[in-house]
PDB file of all heavy atoms in Angstrom:
ATOM      1  N   GLU A   1     177.685 130.712 212.462  1.00  0.00           N
ATOM      2  CA  GLU A   1     178.511 129.623 211.936  1.00  0.00           C
ATOM      3  C   GLU A   1     177.808 129.012 210.715  1.00  0.00           C
ATOM      4  O   GLU A   1     176.611 128.891 210.708  1.00  0.00           O
ATOM      5  CB  GLU A   1     178.821 128.535 212.989  1.00  0.00           C
ATOM      6  CG  GLU A   1     179.592 129.051 214.173  1.00  0.00           C
ATOM      7  CD  GLU A   1     179.849 127.939 215.217  1.00  0.00           C
ATOM      8  OE1 GLU A   1     179.399 126.808 214.944  1.00  0.00           O
ATOM      9  OE2 GLU A   1     180.483 128.199 216.233  1.00  0.00           O
ATOM     10  N   SER A   2     178.598 128.577 209.744  1.00  0.00           N
ATOM     11  CA  SER A   2     178.038 127.954 208.559  1.00  0.00           C
ATOM     12  C   SER A   2     178.876 126.726 208.138  1.00  0.00           C
ATOM     13  O   SER A   2     180.101 126.746 208.366  1.00  0.00           O
ATOM     14  CB  SER A   2     178.020 128.959 207.397  1.00  0.00           C
ATOM     15  OG  SER A   2     177.181 130.065 207.715  1.00  0.00           O
ATOM     16  N   LYS A   3     178.236 125.778 207.591  1.00  0.00           N
ATOM     17  CA  LYS A   3     178.929 124.655 206.972  1.00  0.00           C
ATOM     18  C   LYS A   3     179.249 124.989 205.516  1.00  0.00           C
ATOM     19  O   LYS A   3     178.740 125.948 204.939  1.00  0.00           O
ATOM     20  CB  LYS A   3     178.071 123.400 207.018  1.00  0.00           C
ATOM     21  CG  LYS A   3     177.784 122.891 208.446  1.00  0.00           C
ATOM     22  CD  LYS A   3     176.928 121.610 208.401  1.00  0.00           C
ATOM     23  CE  LYS A   3     176.656 121.077 209.804  1.00  0.00           C
ATOM     24  NZ  LYS A   3     175.863 119.839 209.759  1.00  0.00           N
ATOM     25  N   ALA A   4     180.123 124.194 204.943  1.00  0.00           N
ATOM     26  CA  ALA A   4     180.531 124.434 203.555  1.00  0.00           C
ATOM     27  C   ALA A   4     179.323 124.409 202.612  1.00  0.00           C
ATOM     28  O   ALA A   4     179.258 125.185 201.678  1.00  0.00           O
ATOM     29  CB  ALA A   4     181.575 123.405 203.133  1.00  0.00           C
ATOM     30  N   ALA A   5     178.392 123.494 202.870  1.00  0.00           N
ATOM     31  CA  ALA A   5     177.197 123.381 202.026  1.00  0.00           C
ATOM     32  C   ALA A   5     176.341 124.661 202.104  1.00  0.00           C
ATOM     33  O   ALA A   5     175.713 125.044 201.126  1.00  0.00           O
ATOM     34  CB  ALA A   5     176.342 122.179 202.444  1.00  0.00           C
ATOM     35  N   HIS A   6     176.319 125.303 203.263  1.00  0.00           N
ATOM     36  CA  HIS A   6     175.571 126.549 203.395  1.00  0.00           C
ATOM     37  C   HIS A   6     176.229 127.643 202.553  1.00  0.00           C
ATOM     38  O   HIS A   6     175.559 128.413 201.855  1.00  0.00           O
ATOM     39  CB  HIS A   6     175.522 127.010 204.864  1.00  0.00           C
ATOM     40  CG  HIS A   6     174.861 126.003 205.764  1.00  0.00           C
ATOM     41  ND1 HIS A   6     175.244 125.818 207.067  1.00  0.00           N
ATOM     42  CD2 HIS A   6     173.912 125.069 205.498  1.00  0.00           C
ATOM     43  CE1 HIS A   6     174.516 124.862 207.638  1.00  0.00           C
ATOM     44  NE2 HIS A   6     173.711 124.368 206.690  1.00  0.00           N
ATOM     45  N   LEU A   7     177.550 127.732 202.623  1.00  0.00           N
ATOM     46  CA  LEU A   7     178.270 128.753 201.822  1.00  0.00           C
ATOM     47  C   LEU A   7     178.058 128.493 200.340  1.00  0.00           C
ATOM     48  O   LEU A   7     177.951 129.443 199.553  1.00  0.00           O
ATOM     49  CB  LEU A   7     179.761 128.697 202.165  1.00  0.00           C
ATOM     50  CG  LEU A   7     180.146 129.047 203.609  1.00  0.00           C
ATOM     51  CD1 LEU A   7     181.649 128.910 203.824  1.00  0.00           C
ATOM     52  CD2 LEU A   7     179.709 130.460 203.964  1.00  0.00           C
ATOM     53  N   TYR A   8     177.979 127.237 199.965  1.00  0.00           N
ATOM     54  CA  TYR A   8     177.710 126.895 198.588  1.00  0.00           C
ATOM     55  C   TYR A   8     176.326 127.422 198.175  1.00  0.00           C
ATOM     56  O   TYR A   8     176.192 128.045 197.085  1.00  0.00           O
ATOM     57  CB  TYR A   8     177.722 125.355 198.491  1.00  0.00           C
ATOM     58  CG  TYR A   8     177.199 124.780 197.175  1.00  0.00           C
ATOM     59  CD1 TYR A   8     178.033 124.672 196.040  1.00  0.00           C
ATOM     60  CD2 TYR A   8     175.902 124.303 197.061  1.00  0.00           C
ATOM     61  CE1 TYR A   8     177.573 124.143 194.873  1.00  0.00           C
ATOM     62  CE2 TYR A   8     175.468 123.754 195.888  1.00  0.00           C
ATOM     63  CZ  TYR A   8     176.296 123.659 194.789  1.00  0.00           C
ATOM     64  OH  TYR A   8     175.793 123.119 193.612  1.00  0.00           O
ATOM     65  N   GLN A   9     175.331 127.225 199.021  1.00  0.00           N
ATOM     66  CA  GLN A   9     173.970 127.725 198.717  1.00  0.00           C
ATOM     67  C   GLN A   9     173.978 129.261 198.674  1.00  0.00           C
ATOM     68  O   GLN A   9     173.267 129.872 197.827  1.00  0.00           O
ATOM     69  CB  GLN A   9     172.969 127.213 199.740  1.00  0.00           C
ATOM     70  CG  GLN A   9     172.748 125.737 199.630  1.00  0.00           C
ATOM     71  CD  GLN A   9     171.703 125.225 200.610  1.00  0.00           C
ATOM     72  OE1 GLN A   9     171.235 125.949 201.490  1.00  0.00           O
ATOM     73  NE2 GLN A   9     171.308 123.976 200.464  1.00  0.00           N
ATOM     74  N   TYR A  10     174.732 129.910 199.523  1.00  0.00           N
ATOM     75  CA  TYR A  10     174.806 131.365 199.511  1.00  0.00           C
ATOM     76  C   TYR A  10     175.304 131.849 198.150  1.00  0.00           C
ATOM     77  O   TYR A  10     174.902 132.947 197.699  1.00  0.00           O
ATOM     78  CB  TYR A  10     175.742 131.878 200.592  1.00  0.00           C
ATOM     79  CG  TYR A  10     175.320 131.544 202.016  1.00  0.00           C
ATOM     80  CD1 TYR A  10     176.243 131.706 203.049  1.00  0.00           C
ATOM     81  CD2 TYR A  10     174.079 131.061 202.314  1.00  0.00           C
ATOM     82  CE1 TYR A  10     175.885 131.396 204.373  1.00  0.00           C
ATOM     83  CE2 TYR A  10     173.714 130.744 203.637  1.00  0.00           C
ATOM     84  CZ  TYR A  10     174.648 130.898 204.645  1.00  0.00           C
ATOM     85  OH  TYR A  10     174.306 130.590 205.951  1.00  0.00           O
ATOM     86  N   GLY A  11     176.208 131.088 197.544  1.00  0.00           N
ATOM     87  CA  GLY A  11     176.732 131.458 196.225  1.00  0.00           C
ATOM     88  C   GLY A  11     175.603 131.571 195.212  1.00  0.00           C
ATOM     89  O   GLY A  11     175.530 132.548 194.449  1.00  0.00           O
ATOM     90  N   PHE A  12     174.662 130.638 195.223  1.00  0.00           N
ATOM     91  CA  PHE A  12     173.556 130.677 194.284  1.00  0.00           C
ATOM     92  C   PHE A  12     172.570 131.788 194.611  1.00  0.00           C
ATOM     93  O   PHE A  12     172.071 132.475 193.704  1.00  0.00           O
ATOM     94  CB  PHE A  12     172.784 129.324 194.296  1.00  0.00           C
ATOM     95  CG  PHE A  12     173.543 128.242 193.537  1.00  0.00           C
ATOM     96  CD1 PHE A  12     174.318 127.309 194.193  1.00  0.00           C
ATOM     97  CD2 PHE A  12     173.479 128.207 192.136  1.00  0.00           C
ATOM     98  CE1 PHE A  12     174.980 126.345 193.488  1.00  0.00           C
ATOM     99  CE2 PHE A  12     174.151 127.213 191.450  1.00  0.00           C
ATOM    100  CZ  PHE A  12     174.895 126.266 192.108  1.00  0.00           C
ATOM    101  N   LEU A  13     172.281 131.954 195.902  1.00  0.00           N
ATOM    102  CA  LEU A  13     171.382 133.024 196.302  1.00  0.00           C
ATOM    103  C   LEU A  13     171.908 134.395 195.962  1.00  0.00           C
ATOM    104  O   LEU A  13     171.210 135.278 195.446  1.00  0.00           O
ATOM    105  CB  LEU A  13     171.100 132.929 197.822  1.00  0.00           C
ATOM    106  CG  LEU A  13     170.311 131.674 198.279  1.00  0.00           C
ATOM    107  CD1 LEU A  13     170.284 131.577 199.833  1.00  0.00           C
ATOM    108  CD2 LEU A  13     168.896 131.662 197.752  1.00  0.00           C
ATOM    109  N   GLY A  14     173.192 134.599 196.275  1.00  0.00           N
ATOM    110  CA  GLY A  14     173.800 135.878 195.926  1.00  0.00           C
ATOM    111  C   GLY A  14     173.888 136.145 194.433  1.00  0.00           C
ATOM    112  O   GLY A  14     173.678 137.265 193.974  1.00  0.00           O
ATOM    113  N   ASP A  15     174.158 135.094 193.681  1.00  0.00           N
ATOM    114  CA  ASP A  15     174.229 135.210 192.238  1.00  0.00           C
ATOM    115  C   ASP A  15     172.874 135.624 191.675  1.00  0.00           C
ATOM    116  O   ASP A  15     172.770 136.472 190.821  1.00  0.00           O
ATOM    117  CB  ASP A  15     174.649 133.831 191.662  1.00  0.00           C
ATOM    118  CG  ASP A  15     174.639 133.811 190.156  1.00  0.00           C
ATOM    119  OD1 ASP A  15     175.612 134.312 189.549  1.00  0.00           O
ATOM    120  OD2 ASP A  15     173.681 133.319 189.536  1.00  0.00           O
ATOM    121  N   PHE A  16     171.796 135.004 192.213  1.00  0.00           N
ATOM    122  CA  PHE A  16     170.447 135.355 191.765  1.00  0.00           C
ATOM    123  C   PHE A  16     170.137 136.841 192.070  1.00  0.00           C
ATOM    124  O   PHE A  16     169.593 137.554 191.231  1.00  0.00           O
ATOM    125  CB  PHE A  16     169.426 134.454 192.461  1.00  0.00           C
ATOM    126  CG  PHE A  16     168.876 133.371 191.578  1.00  0.00           C
ATOM    127  CD1 PHE A  16     169.401 132.112 191.609  1.00  0.00           C
ATOM    128  CD2 PHE A  16     167.858 133.645 190.721  1.00  0.00           C
ATOM    129  CE1 PHE A  16     168.933 131.095 190.807  1.00  0.00           C
ATOM    130  CE2 PHE A  16     167.369 132.658 189.898  1.00  0.00           C
ATOM    131  CZ  PHE A  16     167.922 131.360 189.925  1.00  0.00           C
ATOM    132  N   TYR A  17     170.503 137.260 193.270  1.00  0.00           N
ATOM    133  CA  TYR A  17     170.220 138.637 193.658  1.00  0.00           C
ATOM    134  C   TYR A  17     170.997 139.628 192.774  1.00  0.00           C
ATOM    135  O   TYR A  17     170.431 140.641 192.281  1.00  0.00           O
ATOM    136  CB  TYR A  17     170.550 138.883 195.117  1.00  0.00           C
ATOM    137  CG  TYR A  17     170.052 140.201 195.636  1.00  0.00           C
ATOM    138  CD1 TYR A  17     168.770 140.305 196.125  1.00  0.00           C
ATOM    139  CD2 TYR A  17     170.852 141.321 195.615  1.00  0.00           C
ATOM    140  CE1 TYR A  17     168.288 141.531 196.592  1.00  0.00           C
ATOM    141  CE2 TYR A  17     170.379 142.557 196.055  1.00  0.00           C
ATOM    142  CZ  TYR A  17     169.082 142.633 196.526  1.00  0.00           C
ATOM    143  OH  TYR A  17     168.618 143.857 196.989  1.00  0.00           O
ATOM    144  N   ALA A  18     172.241 139.329 192.536  1.00  0.00           N
ATOM    145  CA  ALA A  18     173.072 140.242 191.723  1.00  0.00           C
ATOM    146  C   ALA A  18     172.528 140.339 190.305  1.00  0.00           C
ATOM    147  O   ALA A  18     172.541 141.406 189.689  1.00  0.00           O
ATOM    148  CB  ALA A  18     174.525 139.743 191.688  1.00  0.00           C
ATOM    149  N   GLU A  19     172.051 139.214 189.783  1.00  0.00           N
ATOM    150  CA  GLU A  19     171.532 139.238 188.398  1.00  0.00           C
ATOM    151  C   GLU A  19     170.139 139.832 188.316  1.00  0.00           C
ATOM    152  O   GLU A  19     169.850 140.699 187.481  1.00  0.00           O
ATOM    153  CB  GLU A  19     171.485 137.771 187.876  1.00  0.00           C
ATOM    154  CG  GLU A  19     171.043 137.707 186.454  1.00  0.00           C
ATOM    155  CD  GLU A  19     171.046 136.251 185.934  1.00  0.00           C
ATOM    156  OE1 GLU A  19     171.818 135.425 186.480  1.00  0.00           O
ATOM    157  OE2 GLU A  19     170.280 135.962 184.979  1.00  0.00           O
ATOM    158  N   LYS A  20     169.227 139.387 189.188  1.00  0.00           N
ATOM    159  CA  LYS A  20     167.815 139.818 189.079  1.00  0.00           C
ATOM    160  C   LYS A  20     167.554 141.238 189.609  1.00  0.00           C
ATOM    161  O   LYS A  20     166.693 141.914 189.067  1.00  0.00           O
ATOM    162  CB  LYS A  20     166.938 138.807 189.850  1.00  0.00           C
ATOM    163  CG  LYS A  20     166.941 137.393 189.318  1.00  0.00           C
ATOM    164  CD  LYS A  20     166.177 137.312 188.003  1.00  0.00           C
ATOM    165  CE  LYS A  20     166.073 135.877 187.546  1.00  0.00           C
ATOM    166  NZ  LYS A  20     165.338 135.780 186.258  1.00  0.00           N
ATOM    167  N   VAL A  21     168.231 141.622 190.671  1.00  0.00           N
ATOM    168  CA  VAL A  21     167.973 142.943 191.259  1.00  0.00           C
ATOM    169  C   VAL A  21     168.943 144.013 190.802  1.00  0.00           C
ATOM    170  O   VAL A  21     168.532 145.126 190.437  1.00  0.00           O
ATOM    171  CB  VAL A  21     167.956 142.820 192.810  1.00  0.00           C
ATOM    172  CG1 VAL A  21     167.774 144.204 193.452  1.00  0.00           C
ATOM    173  CG2 VAL A  21     166.866 141.881 193.285  1.00  0.00           C
ATOM    174  N   LEU A  22     170.248 143.669 190.769  1.00  0.00           N
ATOM    175  CA  LEU A  22     171.237 144.644 190.371  1.00  0.00           C
ATOM    176  C   LEU A  22     171.489 144.682 188.877  1.00  0.00           C
ATOM    177  O   LEU A  22     172.112 145.594 188.377  1.00  0.00           O
ATOM    178  CB  LEU A  22     172.571 144.369 191.134  1.00  0.00           C
ATOM    179  CG  LEU A  22     172.470 144.400 192.638  1.00  0.00           C
ATOM    180  CD1 LEU A  22     173.845 144.164 193.269  1.00  0.00           C
ATOM    181  CD2 LEU A  22     171.886 145.713 193.162  1.00  0.00           C
ATOM    182  N   GLY A  23     171.046 143.623 188.181  1.00  0.00           N
ATOM    183  CA  GLY A  23     171.190 143.600 186.749  1.00  0.00           C
ATOM    184  C   GLY A  23     172.588 143.218 186.242  1.00  0.00           C
ATOM    185  O   GLY A  23     172.950 143.491 185.114  1.00  0.00           O
ATOM    186  N   PHE A  24     173.377 142.558 187.081  1.00  0.00           N
ATOM    187  CA  PHE A  24     174.748 142.111 186.679  1.00  0.00           C
ATOM    188  C   PHE A  24     174.617 140.877 185.773  1.00  0.00           C
ATOM    189  O   PHE A  24     173.914 139.944 186.097  1.00  0.00           O
ATOM    190  CB  PHE A  24     175.591 141.754 187.925  1.00  0.00           C
ATOM    191  CG  PHE A  24     175.877 142.921 188.838  1.00  0.00           C
ATOM    192  CD1 PHE A  24     176.525 142.720 190.039  1.00  0.00           C
ATOM    193  CD2 PHE A  24     175.497 144.203 188.506  1.00  0.00           C
ATOM    194  CE1 PHE A  24     176.795 143.769 190.859  1.00  0.00           C
ATOM    195  CE2 PHE A  24     175.771 145.276 189.340  1.00  0.00           C
ATOM    196  CZ  PHE A  24     176.443 145.067 190.555  1.00  0.00           C
ATOM    197  N   GLU A  25     175.372 140.899 184.743  1.00  0.00           N
ATOM    198  CA  GLU A  25     175.416 139.765 183.804  1.00  0.00           C
ATOM    199  C   GLU A  25     176.538 138.829 184.203  1.00  0.00           C
ATOM    200  O   GLU A  25     177.693 139.240 184.347  1.00  0.00           O
ATOM    201  CB  GLU A  25     175.584 140.215 182.377  1.00  0.00           C
ATOM    202  CG  GLU A  25     175.542 139.099 181.337  1.00  0.00           C
ATOM    203  CD  GLU A  25     175.657 139.616 179.930  1.00  0.00           C
ATOM    204  OE1 GLU A  25     175.587 140.840 179.736  1.00  0.00           O
ATOM    205  OE2 GLU A  25     175.853 138.763 179.024  1.00  0.00           O
ATOM    206  N   ASN A  26     176.206 137.553 184.423  1.00  0.00           N
ATOM    207  CA  ASN A  26     177.231 136.526 184.820  1.00  0.00           C
ATOM    208  C   ASN A  26     178.067 137.036 185.968  1.00  0.00           C
ATOM    209  O   ASN A  26     179.302 137.152 185.805  1.00  0.00           O
ATOM    210  CB  ASN A  26     178.091 136.195 183.616  1.00  0.00           C
ATOM    211  CG  ASN A  26     178.876 134.916 183.783  1.00  0.00           C
ATOM    212  OD1 ASN A  26     178.452 134.003 184.525  1.00  0.00           O
ATOM    213  ND2 ASN A  26     179.993 134.766 183.129  1.00  0.00           N
ATOM    214  N   PRO A  27     177.467 137.302 187.125  1.00  0.00           N
ATOM    215  CA  PRO A  27     178.210 137.837 188.283  1.00  0.00           C
ATOM    216  C   PRO A  27     179.376 136.952 188.685  1.00  0.00           C
ATOM    217  O   PRO A  27     179.325 135.729 188.693  1.00  0.00           O
ATOM    218  CB  PRO A  27     177.166 137.904 189.387  1.00  0.00           C
ATOM    219  CG  PRO A  27     175.852 137.867 188.686  1.00  0.00           C
ATOM    220  CD  PRO A  27     176.039 137.048 187.460  1.00  0.00           C
ATOM    221  N   ARG A  28     180.463 137.611 189.051  1.00  0.00           N
ATOM    222  CA  ARG A  28     181.648 136.907 189.571  1.00  0.00           C
ATOM    223  C   ARG A  28     181.469 136.598 191.065  1.00  0.00           C
ATOM    224  O   ARG A  28     181.218 137.506 191.870  1.00  0.00           O
ATOM    225  CB  ARG A  28     182.904 137.747 189.399  1.00  0.00           C
ATOM    226  CG  ARG A  28     183.237 138.103 187.947  1.00  0.00           C
ATOM    227  CD  ARG A  28     184.262 139.250 187.874  1.00  0.00           C
ATOM    228  NE  ARG A  28     183.755 140.457 188.498  1.00  0.00           N
ATOM    229  CZ  ARG A  28     184.484 141.244 189.272  1.00  0.00           C
ATOM    230  NH1 ARG A  28     185.746 141.022 189.488  1.00  0.00           N
ATOM    231  NH2 ARG A  28     183.927 142.330 189.794  1.00  0.00           N
ATOM    232  N   VAL A  29     181.524 135.338 191.426  1.00  0.00           N
ATOM    233  CA  VAL A  29     181.268 134.899 192.802  1.00  0.00           C
ATOM    234  C   VAL A  29     182.583 134.572 193.463  1.00  0.00           C
ATOM    235  O   VAL A  29     183.396 133.764 192.937  1.00  0.00           O
ATOM    236  CB  VAL A  29     180.334 133.692 192.842  1.00  0.00           C
ATOM    237  CG1 VAL A  29     180.117 133.237 194.294  1.00  0.00           C
ATOM    238  CG2 VAL A  29     178.993 134.025 192.191  1.00  0.00           C
ATOM    239  N   GLY A  30     182.870 135.177 194.640  1.00  0.00           N
ATOM    240  CA  GLY A  30     184.118 134.898 195.339  1.00  0.00           C
ATOM    241  C   GLY A  30     183.838 134.486 196.774  1.00  0.00           C
ATOM    242  O   GLY A  30     182.782 134.815 197.337  1.00  0.00           O
ATOM    243  N   LEU A  31     184.779 133.796 197.392  1.00  0.00           N
ATOM    244  CA  LEU A  31     184.668 133.347 198.783  1.00  0.00           C
ATOM    245  C   LEU A  31     185.614 134.183 199.631  1.00  0.00           C
ATOM    246  O   LEU A  31     186.832 134.196 199.397  1.00  0.00           O
ATOM    247  CB  LEU A  31     185.025 131.844 198.876  1.00  0.00           C
ATOM    248  CG  LEU A  31     185.084 131.229 200.261  1.00  0.00           C
ATOM    249  CD1 LEU A  31     183.679 131.152 200.862  1.00  0.00           C
ATOM    250  CD2 LEU A  31     185.677 129.834 200.195  1.00  0.00           C
ATOM    251  N   LEU A  32     185.089 134.870 200.652  1.00  0.00           N
ATOM    252  CA  LEU A  32     185.937 135.658 201.569  1.00  0.00           C
ATOM    253  C   LEU A  32     186.814 134.714 202.356  1.00  0.00           C
ATOM    254  O   LEU A  32     186.328 133.827 203.010  1.00  0.00           O
ATOM    255  CB  LEU A  32     185.053 136.486 202.494  1.00  0.00           C
ATOM    256  CG  LEU A  32     185.801 137.449 203.440  1.00  0.00           C
ATOM    257  CD1 LEU A  32     186.565 138.516 202.669  1.00  0.00           C
ATOM    258  CD2 LEU A  32     184.824 138.097 204.407  1.00  0.00           C
ATOM    259  N   ASN A  33     188.148 134.946 202.284  1.00  0.00           N
ATOM    260  CA  ASN A  33     189.041 134.053 202.967  1.00  0.00           C
ATOM    261  C   ASN A  33     190.343 134.802 203.331  1.00  0.00           C
ATOM    262  O   ASN A  33     190.528 135.978 203.020  1.00  0.00           O
ATOM    263  CB  ASN A  33     189.406 132.839 202.081  1.00  0.00           C
ATOM    264  CG  ASN A  33     189.697 131.596 202.838  1.00  0.00           C
ATOM    265  OD1 ASN A  33     190.132 131.643 203.988  1.00  0.00           O
ATOM    266  ND2 ASN A  33     189.490 130.431 202.207  1.00  0.00           N
ATOM    267  N   LEU A  34     191.246 134.063 203.993  1.00  0.00           N
ATOM    268  CA  LEU A  34     192.485 134.673 204.488  1.00  0.00           C
ATOM    269  C   LEU A  34     193.464 135.026 203.374  1.00  0.00           C
ATOM    270  O   LEU A  34     194.313 135.891 203.539  1.00  0.00           O
ATOM    271  CB  LEU A  34     193.164 133.668 205.443  1.00  0.00           C
ATOM    272  CG  LEU A  34     192.387 133.238 206.695  1.00  0.00           C
ATOM    273  CD1 LEU A  34     193.150 132.216 207.449  1.00  0.00           C
ATOM    274  CD2 LEU A  34     192.036 134.451 207.577  1.00  0.00           C
ATOM    275  N   GLY A  35     193.342 134.365 202.274  1.00  0.00           N
ATOM    276  CA  GLY A  35     194.241 134.612 201.153  1.00  0.00           C
ATOM    277  C   GLY A  35     193.572 134.093 199.846  1.00  0.00           C
ATOM    278  O   GLY A  35     192.523 133.454 199.876  1.00  0.00           O
ATOM    279  N   THR A  36     194.199 134.342 198.746  1.00  0.00           N
ATOM    280  CA  THR A  36     193.622 133.976 197.439  1.00  0.00           C
ATOM    281  C   THR A  36     193.914 132.537 197.069  1.00  0.00           C
ATOM    282  O   THR A  36     193.220 132.006 196.178  1.00  0.00           O
ATOM    283  CB  THR A  36     194.126 134.892 196.344  1.00  0.00           C
ATOM    284  OG1 THR A  36     195.563 134.845 196.291  1.00  0.00           O
ATOM    285  CG2 THR A  36     193.696 136.337 196.607  1.00  0.00           C
ATOM    286  N   GLU A  37     194.868 131.904 197.714  1.00  0.00           N
ATOM    287  CA  GLU A  37     195.206 130.545 197.322  1.00  0.00           C
ATOM    288  C   GLU A  37     194.075 129.562 197.664  1.00  0.00           C
ATOM    289  O   GLU A  37     193.355 129.742 198.662  1.00  0.00           O
ATOM    290  CB  GLU A  37     196.497 130.105 198.015  1.00  0.00           C
ATOM    291  CG  GLU A  37     197.738 130.899 197.638  1.00  0.00           C
ATOM    292  CD  GLU A  37     197.877 132.192 198.426  1.00  0.00           C
ATOM    293  OE1 GLU A  37     197.006 132.488 199.253  1.00  0.00           O
ATOM    294  OE2 GLU A  37     198.846 132.913 198.197  1.00  0.00           O
ATOM    295  N   GLU A  38     194.019 128.503 196.909  1.00  0.00           N
ATOM    296  CA  GLU A  38     192.938 127.479 197.074  1.00  0.00           C
ATOM    297  C   GLU A  38     192.953 126.825 198.467  1.00  0.00           C
ATOM    298  O   GLU A  38     191.872 126.501 198.963  1.00  0.00           O
ATOM    299  CB  GLU A  38     193.142 126.391 195.997  1.00  0.00           C
ATOM    300  CG  GLU A  38     192.200 125.230 196.067  1.00  0.00           C
ATOM    301  CD  GLU A  38     192.526 124.199 195.003  1.00  0.00           C
ATOM    302  OE1 GLU A  38     193.150 124.519 193.998  1.00  0.00           O
ATOM    303  OE2 GLU A  38     192.051 123.036 195.172  1.00  0.00           O
ATOM    304  N   ASP A  39     194.095 126.626 199.044  1.00  0.00           N
ATOM    305  CA  ASP A  39     194.202 125.876 200.320  1.00  0.00           C
ATOM    306  C   ASP A  39     194.191 126.751 201.560  1.00  0.00           C
ATOM    307  O   ASP A  39     194.524 126.324 202.651  1.00  0.00           O
ATOM    308  CB  ASP A  39     195.478 125.020 200.337  1.00  0.00           C
ATOM    309  CG  ASP A  39     196.739 125.859 200.217  1.00  0.00           C
ATOM    310  OD1 ASP A  39     196.629 127.060 199.914  1.00  0.00           O
ATOM    311  OD2 ASP A  39     197.841 125.271 200.431  1.00  0.00           O
ATOM    312  N   LYS A  40     193.789 128.029 201.421  1.00  0.00           N
ATOM    313  CA  LYS A  40     193.735 128.952 202.571  1.00  0.00           C
ATOM    314  C   LYS A  40     192.509 128.710 203.430  1.00  0.00           C
ATOM    315  O   LYS A  40     191.492 128.231 202.973  1.00  0.00           O
ATOM    316  CB  LYS A  40     193.756 130.392 202.066  1.00  0.00           C
ATOM    317  CG  LYS A  40     195.081 130.887 201.527  1.00  0.00           C
ATOM    318  CD  LYS A  40     196.097 131.045 202.633  1.00  0.00           C
ATOM    319  CE  LYS A  40     197.373 131.629 202.125  1.00  0.00           C
ATOM    320  NZ  LYS A  40     198.400 131.805 203.171  1.00  0.00           N
ATOM    321  N   GLY A  41     192.629 129.076 204.714  1.00  0.00           N
ATOM    322  CA  GLY A  41     191.464 129.021 205.590  1.00  0.00           C
ATOM    323  C   GLY A  41     191.337 127.726 206.347  1.00  0.00           C
ATOM    324  O   GLY A  41     192.117 126.796 206.210  1.00  0.00           O
ATOM    325  N   ASP A  42     190.247 127.669 207.130  1.00  0.00           N
ATOM    326  CA  ASP A  42     189.947 126.427 207.874  1.00  0.00           C
ATOM    327  C   ASP A  42     189.300 125.373 206.951  1.00  0.00           C
ATOM    328  O   ASP A  42     189.141 125.592 205.784  1.00  0.00           O
ATOM    329  CB  ASP A  42     189.048 126.746 209.094  1.00  0.00           C
ATOM    330  CG  ASP A  42     187.746 127.419 208.694  1.00  0.00           C
ATOM    331  OD1 ASP A  42     187.326 127.308 207.495  1.00  0.00           O
ATOM    332  OD2 ASP A  42     187.143 128.098 209.535  1.00  0.00           O
ATOM    333  N   GLU A  43     188.957 124.259 207.573  1.00  0.00           N
ATOM    334  CA  GLU A  43     188.428 123.142 206.778  1.00  0.00           C
ATOM    335  C   GLU A  43     187.102 123.497 206.085  1.00  0.00           C
ATOM    336  O   GLU A  43     186.826 123.043 204.988  1.00  0.00           O
ATOM    337  CB  GLU A  43     188.206 121.911 207.672  1.00  0.00           C
ATOM    338  CG  GLU A  43     189.534 121.270 208.150  1.00  0.00           C
ATOM    339  CD  GLU A  43     190.469 120.932 206.988  1.00  0.00           C
ATOM    340  OE1 GLU A  43     189.985 120.367 205.973  1.00  0.00           O
ATOM    341  OE2 GLU A  43     191.650 121.256 207.068  1.00  0.00           O
ATOM    342  N   VAL A  44     186.257 124.333 206.766  1.00  0.00           N
ATOM    343  CA  VAL A  44     185.004 124.705 206.159  1.00  0.00           C
ATOM    344  C   VAL A  44     185.228 125.489 204.891  1.00  0.00           C
ATOM    345  O   VAL A  44     184.597 125.280 203.872  1.00  0.00           O
ATOM    346  CB  VAL A  44     184.152 125.537 207.168  1.00  0.00           C
ATOM    347  CG1 VAL A  44     182.973 126.167 206.473  1.00  0.00           C
ATOM    348  CG2 VAL A  44     183.704 124.683 208.312  1.00  0.00           C
ATOM    349  N   HIS A  45     186.164 126.431 204.936  1.00  0.00           N
ATOM    350  CA  HIS A  45     186.436 127.274 203.765  1.00  0.00           C
ATOM    351  C   HIS A  45     187.144 126.503 202.675  1.00  0.00           C
ATOM    352  O   HIS A  45     186.896 126.718 201.483  1.00  0.00           O
ATOM    353  CB  HIS A  45     187.245 128.512 204.160  1.00  0.00           C
ATOM    354  CG  HIS A  45     186.434 129.553 204.868  1.00  0.00           C
ATOM    355  ND1 HIS A  45     186.106 129.433 206.203  1.00  0.00           N
ATOM    356  CD2 HIS A  45     185.917 130.706 204.419  1.00  0.00           C
ATOM    357  CE1 HIS A  45     185.363 130.504 206.522  1.00  0.00           C
ATOM    358  NE2 HIS A  45     185.237 131.273 205.504  1.00  0.00           N
ATOM    359  N   LYS A  46     188.016 125.566 203.057  1.00  0.00           N
ATOM    360  CA  LYS A  46     188.664 124.742 202.040  1.00  0.00           C
ATOM    361  C   LYS A  46     187.616 123.875 201.307  1.00  0.00           C
ATOM    362  O   LYS A  46     187.672 123.736 200.063  1.00  0.00           O
ATOM    363  CB  LYS A  46     189.704 123.847 202.695  1.00  0.00           C
ATOM    364  CG  LYS A  46     190.931 124.569 203.222  1.00  0.00           C
ATOM    365  CD  LYS A  46     191.895 123.630 203.890  1.00  0.00           C
ATOM    366  CE  LYS A  46     193.070 124.356 204.503  1.00  0.00           C
ATOM    367  NZ  LYS A  46     193.982 123.458 205.206  1.00  0.00           N
ATOM    368  N   GLU A  47     186.696 123.312 202.082  1.00  0.00           N
ATOM    369  CA  GLU A  47     185.631 122.489 201.458  1.00  0.00           C
ATOM    370  C   GLU A  47     184.697 123.340 200.624  1.00  0.00           C
ATOM    371  O   GLU A  47     184.281 122.976 199.531  1.00  0.00           O
ATOM    372  CB  GLU A  47     184.870 121.722 202.557  1.00  0.00           C
ATOM    373  CG  GLU A  47     183.759 120.863 202.014  1.00  0.00           C
ATOM    374  CD  GLU A  47     184.285 119.652 201.232  1.00  0.00           C
ATOM    375  OE1 GLU A  47     185.436 119.299 201.427  1.00  0.00           O
ATOM    376  OE2 GLU A  47     183.512 119.137 200.394  1.00  0.00           O
TER     377      GLU A  47
END
């Protein structure tokens, strides 16, 4: 289980890995969710 703040930090960690190890420039960061709309998912994912 994760809080919204943890998912936020994962975004930075994953971004660093994609850039420094895989060599991606300005990596696109996405949140896995039930749908693409902003209000999808539970409260943790919305936050």
